[in-house]
Structures are given as structure tokens and as C-alpha cells.
């Protein structure tokens, strides 16, 4: 009887291990899909006024600060793109 119990308990443990591995793989796939979806979605919209508020200065002062890199930024009246915000943060450091 002891051998039979050991035999069945070993199978039960193997089945549990298979289920755990299946759950881990499923969770990894879900996380991967979630990351892919949110990397496609547009980033937070940022304007010069919002950045000026983060740096605790008025808009005109902020524009004077970024004057040296204004041509590289290719500023328009539209909200800033992610690469423009990164360039400003690199130039002025994080607020």
C-alpha cells in the first residue's frame, strides 16, 4: 500500500508541476501582449506650457532656456513629440 500511495503522489506532484509551468507560460504571454499593446499606444501629450509648469517657470522663460536647441527641436504649434521631450530633459536635466 505504501508503494501505491507513493506512485500516485508522485504522479500528482508531476501533474501539479505541469500545471504550474503552464500557468507561468500563460502569464508571461499575457504580460508580453500587454507590453506590446501599451508600447503602440501614444505617449502622454506634452506641451511647452506643461513643461514650463514642471520646471516652475513661466512659458516665456522656458522658451528662452530652450533657445539654444530650438532648431534641433523643430518646434511647431502641435504638442511635443516624445523625442522632443527627451531632448529637452537631456538639455535642461529632469525637473
Protein backbone atom coordinates (compact mmCIF):
# COMPACT_ATOMS: atom_id res chain seq x y z
CA UNK A 1 0.00 0.00 0.00
CA UNK A 2 2.81 2.37 0.77
CA UNK A 3 4.30 1.89 -2.73
CA UNK A 4 0.95 2.57 -4.38
CA UNK A 5 0.49 5.76 -2.39
CA UNK A 6 3.99 6.92 -3.36
CA UNK A 7 3.31 6.12 -7.01
CA UNK A 8 0.09 8.15 -7.04
CA UNK A 9 1.54 11.03 -5.06
CA UNK A 10 4.47 11.24 -7.48
CA UNK A 11 2.03 11.49 -10.40
CA UNK A 12 0.05 14.14 -8.56
CA UNK A 13 3.20 16.18 -7.99
CA UNK A 14 4.16 15.87 -11.67
CA UNK A 15 0.67 16.99 -12.72
CA UNK A 16 0.89 19.98 -10.40
CA UNK A 17 4.31 20.88 -11.80
CA UNK A 18 2.92 20.74 -15.34
CA UNK A 19 0.02 22.98 -14.35
CA UNK A 20 2.32 25.48 -12.65
CA UNK A 21 4.56 25.64 -15.71
CA UNK A 22 1.51 26.13 -17.92
CA UNK A 23 0.29 28.96 -15.70
CA UNK A 24 3.71 30.64 -15.73
CA UNK A 25 3.90 30.44 -19.52
CA UNK A 26 0.37 31.82 -19.85
CA UNK A 27 1.15 34.74 -17.53
CA UNK A 28 4.32 35.52 -19.49
CA UNK A 29 2.37 35.57 -22.75
CA UNK A 30 -0.26 37.88 -21.25
CA UNK A 31 2.43 40.25 -19.95
CA UNK A 32 4.15 40.26 -23.35
CA UNK A 33 0.88 41.13 -25.13
CA UNK A 34 0.12 43.84 -22.56
CA UNK A 35 3.55 45.44 -23.08
CA UNK A 36 3.17 45.31 -26.86
CA UNK A 37 -0.24 46.97 -26.75
CA UNK A 38 0.89 49.81 -24.49
CA UNK A 39 4.10 50.41 -26.42
CA UNK A 40 1.97 51.02 -29.53
CA UNK A 41 -0.34 53.46 -27.77
CA UNK A 42 0.71 57.11 -27.99
CA UNK A 43 2.67 58.56 -25.12
CA UNK A 44 1.39 61.27 -22.82
CA UNK A 45 0.71 64.52 -24.69
CA UNK A 46 3.03 67.27 -23.51
CA UNK A 47 3.05 70.95 -24.39
CA UNK A 48 5.64 73.64 -23.74
CA UNK A 49 3.31 75.16 -21.16
CA UNK A 50 3.11 71.86 -19.25
CA UNK A 51 6.89 71.52 -19.27
CA UNK A 52 7.26 75.12 -18.09
CA UNK A 53 4.94 74.34 -15.18
CA UNK A 54 7.04 71.28 -14.31
CA UNK A 55 10.17 73.48 -14.23
CA UNK A 56 8.27 76.12 -12.17
CA UNK A 57 8.86 78.96 -14.62
CA UNK A 58 6.63 80.92 -16.98
CA UNK A 59 6.31 79.93 -20.61
CA UNK A 60 8.46 82.81 -21.91
CA UNK A 61 11.34 81.95 -19.57
CA UNK A 62 11.13 78.31 -20.60
CA UNK A 63 11.30 79.25 -24.29
CA UNK A 64 14.42 81.34 -23.56
CA UNK A 65 16.00 78.37 -21.81
CA UNK A 66 15.48 76.06 -24.80
CA UNK A 67 16.50 78.70 -27.37
CA UNK A 68 19.94 77.06 -28.00
CA UNK A 69 18.31 73.80 -29.15
CA UNK A 70 15.25 75.32 -30.81
CA UNK A 71 16.31 74.38 -34.37
CA UNK A 72 17.05 70.79 -33.37
CA UNK A 73 13.65 70.55 -31.67
CA UNK A 74 11.77 71.65 -34.82
CA UNK A 75 9.05 73.24 -32.71
CA UNK A 76 5.55 73.63 -34.12
CA UNK A 77 2.24 74.65 -32.56
CA UNK A 78 1.39 71.00 -32.01
CA UNK A 79 2.10 69.11 -28.77
CA UNK A 80 5.67 67.95 -28.33
CA UNK A 81 6.68 64.52 -29.52
CA UNK A 82 8.41 62.04 -27.25
CA UNK A 83 11.84 62.61 -28.80
CA UNK A 84 11.47 66.38 -28.32
CA UNK A 85 10.62 65.97 -24.64
CA UNK A 86 13.62 63.64 -24.18
CA UNK A 87 15.89 66.19 -25.87
CA UNK A 88 14.63 68.97 -23.57
CA UNK A 89 15.14 66.78 -20.49
CA UNK A 90 18.69 65.96 -21.63
CA UNK A 91 19.44 69.64 -22.24
CA UNK A 92 17.90 71.03 -19.02
CA UNK A 93 18.07 67.92 -16.82
CA UNK A 94 14.97 66.44 -15.25
CA UNK A 95 12.67 68.94 -13.49
